[in-house]
């Protein structure tokens, strides 16, 4: 998510919740989309390793507006930063692969434009859709040799692949690590790999983020004809929402919302069916088959080394940068349908990351012809308070578990909010009759929330850091006079306070007594001054 770095030890309550569940599903590889380079992620990596999982870390670049690449100096600076991140974790056994950026070939990120419009030597590449007169392959065939688009697209992809290759070389100088760059399945990617892929010879595999519905279609055939290298699907899957917006005849905005009576609904069954079909196709194309040992370019069913299902949990933040949006949204007094993209939901983009919205875009290949970007999760969260969420497994989770492990559903893997709080905050209460001597716990099977002497807190800022093996949140905040993880101990500080108060009381008594004695002696001396006069 773009709102923070959640792979540090203070967020261990999130990833120590997730990693056992990911492993219990049968997955062995996790991809993250970026982290803050100045933070320490060792605890997270240690936890990954402890759970038998490997990591593909993404070197975050965002959009070209925030990470410009238009000059050699700018590109060199980026590669130096990438080299430094690889160096920092080069010896960790869990970090197996790096992705240099994400969807750098997508025109929405702006990298092709900056590379192609370089002031020193512009490529004159036209990034508009081909059906709009440009060179971006959208609805037509890839450009033919001798055409302007053929030459200019080669120019711009040569620069992109060369830049990425320089980064891969730098990374491999620092560590024995695999390097890829997660590409979007757009602009006839296979054509660009075939014509300019030799400029990225140090990449270990080609990648693609493929969303074509219930099948990958001709993707594997085309990519295997274009390269000797295997392909890794860095994203695939479908969302879990059936949205009537996809069937709307007009291209005007969509006014349906979550929970209304429009006929839209959460459709985990369709998500699971599509994911099963897609995962089966990846298996059929896997390089693990014996006959793939000597596979070369164009080899049948020997091109895939795996894939990452999109995504682990619903991403409520994705509505902020919706592909189809209204500017402004429906809540604004200045809202107008004329200011909406085709089939945009009127509440999008939605910057409220606590609200589950329907933001997305129309796609013919989707089960319902609409991609709801906040609904791709294999799991869906329920707030337990502050930053704590319980997870609900969708059908896709159990389908993958059956496919990968041959195991059935086990809903005990997913505790409810109450169960999560009980796991962390239930302790045997203290026997208070022992104050003054040794405190004893009550019978072991009798537990109470924070031993009955505190509050179960879900705020990680109060609970503090966790670690690779133990989460700190939720935690018990104890009433006065009690301490311990579960407030099950009498706070030793109370005896210090009592002792200090007793000492102060004793000192006060001594001072009072001293004052009294002095006052009495002074009175006697005053009385002796009035003696009887001589006669």
Protein backbone atom coordinates (compact mmCIF):
# COMPACT_ATOMS: atom_id res chain seq x y z
CA UNK A 1 0.00 0.00 0.00
CA UNK A 2 1.23 3.55 -0.67
CA UNK A 3 0.46 4.78 2.85
CA UNK A 4 3.49 3.35 4.63
CA UNK A 5 6.18 0.70 4.91
CA UNK A 6 4.53 -2.30 6.57
CA UNK A 7 7.55 -4.61 6.51
CA UNK A 8 9.22 -3.28 9.66
CA UNK A 9 9.08 -4.82 13.12
CA UNK A 10 6.44 -2.46 14.52
CA UNK A 11 4.04 -3.95 11.94
CA UNK A 12 4.86 -7.53 12.82
CA UNK A 13 1.25 -7.98 13.95
CA UNK A 14 0.29 -7.79 10.25
CA UNK A 15 2.84 -10.07 8.65
CA UNK A 16 2.98 -12.58 11.51
CA UNK A 17 -0.78 -12.90 11.00
CA UNK A 18 -0.37 -13.38 7.24
CA UNK A 19 2.73 -15.50 6.68
CA UNK A 20 1.44 -18.69 8.38
CA UNK A 21 -1.78 -18.40 6.36
CA UNK A 22 0.10 -17.92 3.10
CA UNK A 23 2.18 -21.00 3.84
CA UNK A 24 -0.91 -22.98 4.88
CA UNK A 25 -2.38 -22.23 1.44
CA UNK A 26 0.63 -23.88 -0.19
CA UNK A 27 2.35 -20.81 -1.62
CA UNK A 28 6.14 -20.62 -1.47
CA UNK A 29 6.88 -17.19 -2.93
CA UNK A 30 5.64 -13.71 -1.90
CA UNK A 31 5.98 -10.46 -3.79
CA UNK A 32 6.01 -7.03 -2.14
CA UNK A 33 5.71 -3.80 -4.10
CA UNK A 34 8.21 -1.63 -2.30
CA UNK A 35 9.49 -0.46 1.05
CA UNK A 36 11.26 2.56 2.47
CA UNK A 37 14.98 2.04 1.79
CA UNK A 38 16.09 3.67 5.05
CA UNK A 39 14.09 1.25 7.24
CA UNK A 40 15.29 -2.08 8.62
CA UNK A 41 13.41 -5.05 7.15
CA UNK A 42 15.51 -7.81 8.70
CA UNK A 43 12.81 -9.00 11.08
CA UNK A 44 10.33 -9.40 8.21
CA UNK A 45 12.88 -11.31 6.13
CA UNK A 46 13.71 -13.51 9.12
CA UNK A 47 10.02 -14.30 9.53
CA UNK A 48 9.72 -15.12 5.82
CA UNK A 49 12.61 -17.55 6.13
CA UNK A 50 11.19 -19.09 9.31
CA UNK A 51 7.93 -19.82 7.48
CA UNK A 52 9.67 -21.41 4.49
CA UNK A 53 8.83 -18.56 2.12
CA UNK A 54 10.91 -16.73 -0.48
CA UNK A 55 10.54 -13.05 -1.34
CA UNK A 56 10.54 -11.04 -4.52
CA UNK A 57 11.15 -7.45 -3.43
CA UNK A 58 10.22 -4.63 -5.76
CA UNK A 59 12.52 -1.65 -6.10
CA UNK A 60 9.87 1.04 -5.89
CA UNK A 61 9.93 3.69 -8.60
CA UNK A 62 6.31 4.76 -8.88
CA UNK A 63 5.70 7.11 -11.77
CA UNK A 64 8.31 8.89 -13.86
CA UNK A 65 7.15 12.19 -12.41
CA UNK A 66 8.54 11.10 -9.02
CA UNK A 67 11.49 9.07 -10.34
CA UNK A 68 12.58 10.83 -13.54
CA UNK A 69 14.73 8.95 -16.08
CA UNK A 70 15.09 11.52 -18.86
CA UNK A 71 18.84 12.10 -18.48
CA UNK A 72 21.83 9.78 -17.99
CA UNK A 73 22.46 11.40 -14.59
CA UNK A 74 18.93 10.63 -13.42
CA UNK A 75 19.18 7.02 -14.55
CA UNK A 76 22.57 6.61 -12.89
CA UNK A 77 21.19 7.93 -9.61
CA UNK A 78 18.34 5.40 -9.70
CA UNK A 79 20.67 2.50 -10.42
CA UNK A 80 22.96 3.53 -7.54
CA UNK A 81 19.99 3.52 -5.17
CA UNK A 82 18.94 0.08 -6.44
CA UNK A 83 22.47 -1.23 -5.99
CA UNK A 84 22.49 0.00 -2.40
CA UNK A 85 19.21 -1.75 -1.56
CA UNK A 86 20.42 -5.02 -3.06
CA UNK A 87 23.67 -4.74 -1.11
CA UNK A 88 21.89 -4.25 2.20
CA UNK A 89 20.15 -7.65 2.12
CA UNK A 90 22.51 -9.54 -0.15
CA UNK A 91 23.17 -12.29 2.39
CA UNK A 92 19.61 -12.99 3.45
CA UNK A 93 18.39 -16.42 2.31
CA UNK A 94 14.74 -15.33 2.02
CA UNK A 95 15.32 -12.57 -0.54
CA UNK A 96 15.67 -14.51 -3.77
CA UNK A 97 14.59 -12.04 -6.44
CA UNK A 98 14.29 -8.33 -7.15
CA UNK A 99 11.96 -6.59 -9.56
CA UNK A 100 13.40 -3.35 -10.87
CA UNK A 101 10.30 -1.17 -10.85
CA UNK A 102 6.74 -2.11 -11.71
CA UNK A 103 5.07 -1.71 -15.11
CA UNK A 104 7.77 0.59 -16.47
CA UNK A 105 6.40 -0.13 -19.94
CA UNK A 106 2.95 1.25 -19.08
CA UNK A 107 2.28 4.66 -20.62
CA UNK A 108 0.34 5.58 -17.46
CA UNK A 109 3.66 5.61 -15.56
CA UNK A 110 5.41 7.89 -18.03
CA UNK A 111 8.77 6.12 -18.38
CA UNK A 112 8.48 5.38 -22.08
CA UNK A 113 7.58 8.99 -22.73
CA UNK A 114 10.59 10.36 -20.84
CA UNK A 115 12.97 7.93 -22.49
CA UNK A 116 11.48 8.47 -25.93
CA UNK A 117 11.34 12.25 -25.71
CA UNK A 118 14.92 12.66 -24.56
CA UNK A 119 16.22 16.08 -25.53
CA UNK A 120 19.59 14.71 -26.63
CA UNK A 121 18.17 12.23 -29.12
CA UNK A 122 14.35 11.99 -29.27
CA UNK A 123 12.78 8.82 -30.66
CA UNK A 124 9.71 10.70 -31.97
CA UNK A 125 7.56 7.86 -30.61
CA UNK A 126 3.83 8.61 -30.49
CA UNK A 127 2.39 7.13 -27.27
CA UNK A 128 -1.24 7.47 -28.35
CA UNK A 129 -3.35 4.33 -28.98
CA UNK A 130 -2.95 2.87 -32.45
CA UNK A 131 -6.68 3.32 -33.13
CA UNK A 132 -6.20 7.01 -32.31
CA UNK A 133 -3.35 7.45 -34.76
CA UNK A 134 -0.46 6.63 -32.37
CA UNK A 135 2.01 3.77 -31.98
CA UNK A 136 0.77 2.20 -28.73
CA UNK A 137 -0.63 -1.21 -29.71
CA UNK A 138 -4.20 -1.23 -28.45
CA UNK A 139 -6.66 -2.66 -30.95
CA UNK A 140 -4.54 -3.25 -34.06
CA UNK A 141 -1.65 -5.55 -34.94
CA UNK A 142 1.98 -4.77 -33.94
CA UNK A 143 3.67 -2.32 -36.32
CA UNK A 144 5.13 -3.66 -39.56
CA UNK A 145 8.79 -3.30 -40.59
CA UNK A 146 9.47 -0.09 -42.42
CA UNK A 147 6.72 1.89 -40.69
CA UNK A 148 7.34 4.87 -38.44
CA UNK A 149 5.86 3.09 -35.43
CA UNK A 150 8.09 0.08 -36.01
CA UNK A 151 11.22 2.22 -35.92
CA UNK A 152 10.23 4.58 -33.12
CA UNK A 153 8.92 1.82 -30.83
CA UNK A 154 12.22 -0.04 -31.28
CA UNK A 155 14.05 3.15 -30.31
CA UNK A 156 12.12 3.67 -27.10
CA UNK A 157 12.14 0.01 -25.99
CA UNK A 158 15.85 -0.28 -26.71
CA UNK A 159 16.35 2.53 -24.20
CA UNK A 160 13.98 1.03 -21.64
CA UNK A 161 15.51 -2.45 -21.82
CA UNK A 162 19.06 -1.06 -21.76
CA UNK A 163 18.28 0.98 -18.66
CA UNK A 164 16.80 -2.05 -16.92
CA UNK A 165 19.76 -4.19 -17.98
CA UNK A 166 22.22 -1.70 -16.47
CA UNK A 167 20.31 -2.02 -13.20
CA UNK A 168 20.44 -5.83 -13.37
CA UNK A 169 24.20 -5.76 -13.95
CA UNK A 170 24.67 -3.46 -10.95
CA UNK A 171 22.58 -5.73 -8.73
CA UNK A 172 24.48 -8.85 -9.74
CA UNK A 173 27.75 -7.13 -8.91
CA UNK A 174 26.48 -6.81 -5.34
CA UNK A 175 24.73 -10.15 -4.74
CA UNK A 176 23.92 -13.57 -6.12
CA UNK A 177 20.32 -12.58 -6.79
CA UNK A 178 17.76 -12.96 -9.56
CA UNK A 179 16.65 -9.76 -11.27
CA UNK A 180 13.54 -9.10 -13.35
CA UNK A 181 11.33 -6.13 -14.12
CA UNK A 182 7.59 -6.58 -13.79
CA UNK A 183 6.08 -5.57 -17.14
CA UNK A 184 2.45 -4.92 -17.97
CA UNK A 185 0.93 -7.18 -20.62
CA UNK A 186 0.35 -4.28 -23.00
CA UNK A 187 1.60 -2.80 -26.26
CA UNK A 188 2.18 -6.30 -27.72
CA UNK A 189 4.91 -7.00 -25.14
CA UNK A 190 6.04 -10.16 -26.96
CA UNK A 191 6.79 -8.09 -30.09
CA UNK A 192 9.00 -5.71 -28.10
CA UNK A 193 10.79 -8.63 -26.41
CA UNK A 194 11.41 -10.26 -29.79
CA UNK A 195 12.80 -7.12 -31.41
CA UNK A 196 14.62 -5.41 -28.52
CA UNK A 197 14.89 -8.04 -25.78
CA UNK A 198 18.59 -8.65 -26.47
CA UNK A 199 19.28 -5.27 -24.86
CA UNK A 200 18.21 -6.82 -21.53
CA UNK A 201 20.28 -9.99 -21.69
CA UNK A 202 21.15 -9.86 -17.97
CA UNK A 203 17.53 -10.20 -16.84
CA UNK A 204 16.92 -13.71 -15.52
CA UNK A 205 13.40 -13.99 -16.91
CA UNK A 206 10.78 -11.99 -18.74
CA UNK A 207 7.72 -11.09 -16.76
CA UNK A 208 4.16 -9.97 -17.38
CA UNK A 209 1.12 -8.92 -15.38
CA UNK A 210 -1.63 -10.63 -17.35
CA UNK A 211 -5.36 -10.00 -17.06
CA UNK A 212 -7.17 -11.69 -19.94
CA UNK A 213 -10.09 -13.31 -18.13
CA UNK A 214 -10.43 -17.09 -17.68
CA UNK A 215 -7.47 -17.94 -19.92
CA UNK A 216 -4.09 -16.49 -20.89
CA UNK A 217 -5.02 -17.01 -24.53
CA UNK A 218 -2.04 -16.81 -26.89
CA UNK A 219 0.24 -15.19 -24.30
CA UNK A 220 2.50 -18.21 -23.71
CA UNK A 221 2.68 -19.09 -27.41
CA UNK A 222 3.73 -15.58 -28.37
CA UNK A 223 6.24 -15.05 -25.57
CA UNK A 224 7.89 -18.46 -26.09
CA UNK A 225 8.43 -17.60 -29.77
CA UNK A 226 10.07 -14.32 -28.79
CA UNK A 227 12.75 -15.40 -26.31
CA UNK A 228 14.82 -18.27 -24.96
CA UNK A 229 14.19 -17.09 -21.42
CA UNK A 230 11.35 -18.32 -19.21
CA UNK A 231 8.47 -16.06 -18.19
CA UNK A 232 7.23 -15.28 -14.68
CA UNK A 233 3.71 -13.94 -14.24
CA UNK A 234 4.19 -11.20 -11.68
CA UNK A 235 0.41 -10.70 -11.44
CA UNK A 236 -2.63 -12.68 -12.53
CA UNK A 237 -6.18 -13.36 -11.34
CA UNK A 238 -9.60 -11.71 -11.26
CA UNK A 239 -11.52 -9.69 -8.70
CA UNK A 240 -14.24 -11.07 -6.43
CA UNK A 241 -17.07 -8.65 -7.21
CA UNK A 242 -19.90 -8.96 -9.71
CA UNK A 243 -20.54 -5.40 -10.82
CA UNK A 244 -23.58 -4.53 -12.93
CA UNK A 245 -21.60 -1.59 -14.27
CA UNK A 246 -19.89 -4.04 -16.65
CA UNK A 247 -23.22 -4.85 -18.33
CA UNK A 248 -24.36 -1.25 -18.60
CA UNK A 249 -25.18 -0.45 -22.23
CA UNK A 250 -24.20 3.21 -22.14
CA UNK A 251 -20.69 4.45 -21.49
CA UNK A 252 -21.96 6.95 -18.95
CA UNK A 253 -20.97 6.80 -15.27
CA UNK A 254 -22.22 4.05 -12.96
CA UNK A 255 -24.21 5.02 -9.88
CA UNK A 256 -24.41 1.62 -8.13
CA UNK A 257 -22.61 1.28 -4.80
CA UNK A 258 -21.62 -1.50 -2.40
CA UNK A 259 -24.61 -2.91 -0.56
CA UNK A 260 -27.34 -1.40 -2.72
CA UNK A 261 -30.11 -3.28 -4.57
CA UNK A 262 -28.60 -2.89 -8.04
CA UNK A 263 -27.91 -6.61 -8.41
CA UNK A 264 -24.18 -6.32 -7.74
CA UNK A 265 -22.67 -8.72 -5.20
CA UNK A 266 -19.45 -10.28 -3.95
CA UNK A 267 -18.74 -13.23 -6.22
CA UNK A 268 -15.98 -15.32 -4.68
CA UNK A 269 -17.06 -18.40 -6.61
CA UNK A 270 -16.32 -16.86 -10.02
CA UNK A 271 -13.00 -15.57 -8.72
CA UNK A 272 -12.03 -19.06 -7.55
CA UNK A 273 -13.06 -20.74 -10.82
CA UNK A 274 -11.08 -18.29 -12.94
CA UNK A 275 -8.02 -18.52 -10.69
CA UNK A 276 -8.10 -22.33 -10.81
CA UNK A 277 -8.21 -22.31 -14.61
CA UNK A 278 -5.41 -19.78 -14.87
CA UNK A 279 -3.19 -21.59 -12.35
CA UNK A 280 -3.73 -24.85 -14.22
CA UNK A 281 -2.55 -23.16 -17.44
CA UNK A 282 0.62 -21.97 -15.71
CA UNK A 283 1.27 -25.53 -14.55
CA UNK A 284 0.74 -26.86 -18.06
CA UNK A 285 3.32 -24.37 -19.34
CA UNK A 286 5.80 -25.01 -16.51
CA UNK A 287 9.47 -25.53 -17.24
CA UNK A 288 9.52 -28.20 -14.53
CA UNK A 289 8.39 -30.89 -16.97
CA UNK A 290 11.09 -33.41 -17.91
CA UNK A 291 10.79 -32.71 -21.62
CA UNK A 292 11.62 -29.04 -20.98
CA UNK A 293 15.22 -29.73 -19.97
CA UNK A 294 16.49 -28.83 -23.45
CA UNK A 295 13.71 -26.39 -24.37
CA UNK A 296 14.57 -23.51 -26.66
CA UNK A 297 12.75 -20.58 -28.21
CA UNK A 298 9.36 -21.65 -29.49
CA UNK A 299 9.25 -24.82 -27.37
CA UNK A 300 5.71 -25.92 -26.59
CA UNK A 301 4.47 -25.76 -22.97
CA UNK A 302 7.90 -25.01 -21.48
CA UNK A 303 7.86 -21.26 -20.90
CA UNK A 304 6.53 -20.56 -17.36
CA UNK A 305 8.39 -20.65 -14.06
CA UNK A 306 5.40 -19.61 -11.93
CA UNK A 307 3.12 -16.74 -11.06
CA UNK A 308 1.90 -14.45 -8.29
CA UNK A 309 -1.84 -14.40 -7.65
CA UNK A 310 -3.19 -10.91 -7.24
CA UNK A 311 -3.58 -10.24 -4.32
CA UNK A 312 -3.32 -11.49 -0.75
CA UNK A 313 -5.90 -9.13 0.75
CA UNK A 314 -8.36 -6.56 -0.63
CA UNK A 315 -6.63 -3.24 -1.25
CA UNK A 316 -9.00 -0.51 -0.10
CA UNK A 317 -6.53 2.21 -1.12
CA UNK A 318 -6.65 1.43 -4.83
CA UNK A 319 -9.70 3.56 -5.46
CA UNK A 320 -7.56 6.65 -5.00
CA UNK A 321 -6.04 6.34 -8.45
CA UNK A 322 -8.85 4.67 -10.32
CA UNK A 323 -8.37 4.10 -14.04
CA UNK A 324 -11.95 5.27 -14.63
CA UNK A 325 -12.90 8.24 -12.46
CA UNK A 326 -15.13 11.29 -12.11
CA UNK A 327 -13.52 14.68 -11.55
CA UNK A 328 -14.99 15.79 -9.25
CA UNK A 329 -16.82 12.86 -7.65
CA UNK A 330 -20.51 12.53 -6.86
CA UNK A 331 -20.16 14.08 -3.39
CA UNK A 332 -19.03 17.39 -4.86
CA UNK A 333 -21.64 20.05 -5.68
CA UNK A 334 -19.76 20.49 -8.95
CA UNK A 335 -20.24 16.87 -10.03
CA UNK A 336 -21.23 16.34 -13.64
CA UNK A 337 -21.59 13.05 -15.60
CA UNK A 338 -19.85 14.83 -18.46
CA UNK A 339 -16.68 14.96 -16.32
CA UNK A 340 -16.56 11.18 -15.83
CA UNK A 341 -14.52 8.62 -17.75
CA UNK A 342 -16.54 5.93 -19.56
CA UNK A 343 -18.29 3.62 -17.07
CA UNK A 344 -16.58 5.24 -14.09
CA UNK A 345 -18.16 4.79 -10.69
CA UNK A 346 -19.31 8.19 -9.52
CA UNK A 347 -17.52 7.87 -6.16
CA UNK A 348 -14.13 7.28 -7.78
CA UNK A 349 -11.35 8.14 -7.30
CA UNK A 350 -11.93 7.53 -3.65
CA UNK A 351 -9.08 8.52 -1.33
CA UNK A 352 -10.77 7.03 1.76
CA UNK A 353 -8.69 3.91 2.39
CA UNK A 354 -11.11 2.73 5.09
CA UNK A 355 -13.99 2.48 2.59
CA UNK A 356 -14.46 -0.52 0.30
CA UNK A 357 -15.43 1.01 -3.04
CA UNK A 358 -16.04 -0.29 -6.58
CA UNK A 359 -13.43 1.77 -8.42
CA UNK A 360 -12.00 0.14 -11.53
CA UNK A 361 -12.59 -0.04 -15.28
CA UNK A 362 -14.51 -1.92 -17.96
CA UNK A 363 -12.81 -5.03 -19.38
CA UNK A 364 -14.52 -7.42 -21.73
CA UNK A 365 -12.50 -10.44 -20.56
CA UNK A 366 -13.48 -10.05 -16.88
CA UNK A 367 -16.21 -12.39 -15.55
CA UNK A 368 -18.66 -9.48 -15.27
CA UNK A 369 -16.87 -7.22 -17.79
CA UNK A 370 -15.66 -4.95 -14.99
CA UNK A 371 -12.44 -4.90 -12.96
CA UNK A 372 -13.03 -3.74 -9.37
CA UNK A 373 -9.49 -3.07 -8.22
CA UNK A 374 -10.18 -3.09 -4.49
CA UNK A 375 -11.63 -6.64 -4.60
CA UNK A 376 -8.76 -8.87 -5.78
CA UNK A 377 -7.96 -10.28 -2.35
CA UNK A 378 -7.71 -13.98 -1.62
CA UNK A 379 -8.84 -12.72 1.77
CA UNK A 380 -10.97 -9.82 2.96
CA UNK A 381 -10.32 -7.82 6.16
CA UNK A 382 -12.62 -7.01 9.07
CA UNK A 383 -11.57 -4.23 11.43
CA UNK A 384 -11.03 -5.32 15.03
CA UNK A 385 -10.04 -1.84 16.21
CA UNK A 386 -7.29 0.61 15.28
CA UNK A 387 -4.90 -1.17 12.89
CA UNK A 388 -5.91 -4.73 13.81
CA UNK A 389 -7.90 -6.73 11.25
CA UNK A 390 -9.10 -10.29 11.12
CA UNK A 391 -9.17 -11.98 7.72
CA UNK A 392 -11.93 -13.92 5.99
CA UNK A 393 -10.79 -16.49 3.44
CA UNK A 394 -12.55 -16.40 0.09
CA UNK A 395 -13.25 -19.49 -2.02
CA UNK A 396 -10.07 -18.85 -4.00
CA UNK A 397 -7.93 -19.45 -0.90
CA UNK A 398 -9.39 -22.91 -0.36
CA UNK A 399 -9.24 -23.71 -4.09
CA UNK A 400 -5.51 -22.93 -4.16
CA UNK A 401 -4.96 -24.90 -0.97
CA UNK A 402 -6.59 -27.94 -2.55
CA UNK A 403 -4.61 -27.50 -5.76
CA UNK A 404 -1.22 -26.86 -4.13
CA UNK A 405 -1.39 -29.03 -1.01
CA UNK A 406 -4.31 -31.39 -1.53
CA UNK A 407 -5.84 -30.20 1.74
CA UNK A 408 -9.44 -29.29 2.54
CA UNK A 409 -10.88 -26.20 4.16
CA UNK A 410 -9.88 -25.47 7.75
CA UNK A 411 -11.61 -22.35 8.97
CA UNK A 412 -9.82 -22.55 12.32
CA UNK A 413 -6.85 -21.02 10.48
CA UNK A 414 -8.73 -17.72 10.38
CA UNK A 415 -9.63 -16.48 13.87
CA UNK A 416 -12.34 -13.88 14.37
CA UNK A 417 -11.64 -10.51 15.97
CA UNK A 418 -12.64 -11.81 19.40
CA UNK A 419 -10.48 -14.89 18.99
CA UNK A 420 -7.50 -12.79 17.92
CA UNK A 421 -7.86 -10.56 20.97
CA UNK A 422 -8.28 -13.57 23.24
CA UNK A 423 -5.11 -15.15 21.87
CA UNK A 424 -3.08 -12.08 22.74
CA UNK A 425 -4.82 -10.68 25.79
CA UNK A 426 -6.24 -13.58 27.82
CA UNK A 427 -4.23 -14.46 30.93
CA UNK A 428 -4.84 -16.12 34.27
CA UNK A 429 -5.68 -13.45 36.88
CA UNK A 430 -3.44 -12.84 39.87
CA UNK A 431 -4.37 -14.11 43.36
CA UNK A 432 -4.51 -10.78 45.17
CA UNK A 433 -4.42 -12.40 48.59
CA UNK A 434 -0.70 -12.81 48.02
CA UNK A 435 0.06 -9.08 48.11
CA UNK A 436 2.76 -8.57 50.65
CA UNK A 437 4.21 -11.97 49.87
CA UNK A 438 4.44 -13.88 46.56
CA UNK A 439 1.70 -13.36 43.95
CA UNK A 440 0.15 -16.57 42.63
CA UNK A 441 -1.77 -17.11 39.38
CA UNK A 442 -5.28 -18.51 39.53
CA UNK A 443 -6.07 -21.96 38.12
CA UNK A 444 -4.49 -22.23 34.65
CA UNK A 445 -7.76 -22.92 32.81
CA UNK A 446 -9.39 -19.79 34.20
CA UNK A 447 -8.47 -16.79 32.03
CA UNK A 448 -9.72 -13.27 31.72
CA UNK A 449 -9.05 -10.38 29.35
CA UNK A 450 -5.73 -8.97 30.64
CA UNK A 451 -6.20 -11.01 33.85
CA UNK A 452 -9.06 -8.72 34.76
CA UNK A 453 -6.61 -5.93 35.56
CA UNK A 454 -6.21 -4.07 32.28
CA UNK A 455 -7.46 -3.28 28.78
CA UNK A 456 -6.74 -5.12 25.52
CA UNK A 457 -5.23 -2.40 23.32
CA UNK A 458 -5.16 -2.57 19.51
CA UNK A 459 -3.00 0.50 18.92
CA UNK A 460 0.49 -0.56 17.80
CA UNK A 461 1.88 2.80 18.86
CA UNK A 462 1.05 1.92 22.47
CA UNK A 463 2.04 -1.73 22.19
CA UNK A 464 5.47 -1.07 20.69
CA UNK A 465 7.62 -3.13 18.34
CA UNK A 466 7.27 -6.82 17.70
CA UNK A 467 9.87 -9.04 16.11
CA UNK A 468 10.45 -11.89 13.69
CA UNK A 469 8.76 -14.42 15.99
CA UNK A 470 6.43 -12.43 18.21
CA UNK A 471 3.86 -9.77 17.61
CA UNK A 472 3.39 -7.00 20.15
CA UNK A 473 -0.11 -5.94 19.04
CA UNK A 474 -2.72 -6.29 20.45
CA UNK A 475 -1.41 -5.94 23.99
CA UNK A 476 -2.56 -5.36 27.54
CA UNK A 477 -2.36 -1.91 29.07
CA UNK A 478 -2.49 -2.55 32.80
CA UNK A 479 -4.42 -0.88 35.59
CA UNK A 480 -2.46 0.88 38.33
CA UNK A 481 -0.61 -1.61 40.48
CA UNK A 482 -0.34 -4.38 37.87
CA UNK A 483 2.28 -5.35 35.31
CA UNK A 484 3.37 -8.13 32.97
CA UNK A 485 2.33 -9.04 29.44
CA UNK A 486 -1.12 -9.93 30.72
CA UNK A 487 -1.30 -7.67 33.80
CA UNK A 488 -1.03 -10.91 35.77
CA UNK A 489 1.69 -9.63 38.08
CA UNK A 490 1.58 -7.17 40.91
CA UNK A 491 3.67 -4.24 39.81
CA UNK A 492 6.85 -4.17 41.89
CA UNK A 493 6.78 -0.42 41.57
CA UNK A 494 3.75 -0.31 43.87
CA UNK A 495 5.86 -1.63 46.71
CA UNK A 496 8.47 1.00 45.99
CA UNK A 497 5.75 3.62 46.16
CA UNK A 498 4.32 2.14 49.39
CA UNK A 499 7.81 1.96 50.90
CA UNK A 500 8.53 5.53 49.90
CA UNK A 501 5.23 6.70 51.36
CA UNK A 502 5.91 4.78 54.58
CA UNK A 503 9.35 6.34 54.83
CA UNK A 504 7.90 9.77 54.26
CA UNK A 505 5.29 9.10 56.94
CA UNK A 506 7.99 7.96 59.38
CA UNK A 507 10.07 11.03 58.64
CA UNK A 508 6.99 13.18 59.15
CA UNK A 509 6.35 11.51 62.54
CA UNK A 510 9.95 12.00 63.57
CA UNK A 511 9.82 15.64 62.55
CA UNK A 512 6.51 16.08 64.37
CA UNK A 513 7.88 14.44 67.49
CA UNK A 514 11.02 16.57 67.33
CA UNK A 515 8.94 19.69 66.97
CA UNK A 516 6.78 18.62 69.92
CA UNK A 517 9.76 17.99 72.22
CA UNK A 518 11.30 21.32 71.31
CA UNK A 519 8.02 23.09 71.91
CA UNK A 520 7.66 21.45 75.36
CA UNK A 521 11.21 22.34 76.37
CA UNK A 522 10.66 25.91 75.25
CA UNK A 523 7.52 26.15 77.39
CA UNK A 524 9.37 24.90 80.52
CA UNK A 525 12.16 27.41 80.02
CA UNK A 526 9.67 30.22 79.68
CA UNK A 527 7.92 29.20 82.92
CA UNK A 528 11.19 29.18 84.96
CA UNK A 529 11.79 32.84 84.12
CA UNK A 530 8.94 33.92 86.48
CA UNK A 531 10.54 33.02 89.85
CA UNK A 532 9.17 34.31 93.23
CA UNK A 533 10.67 37.76 94.20
CA UNK A 534 12.88 38.24 97.28
CA UNK A 535 11.30 39.89 100.28
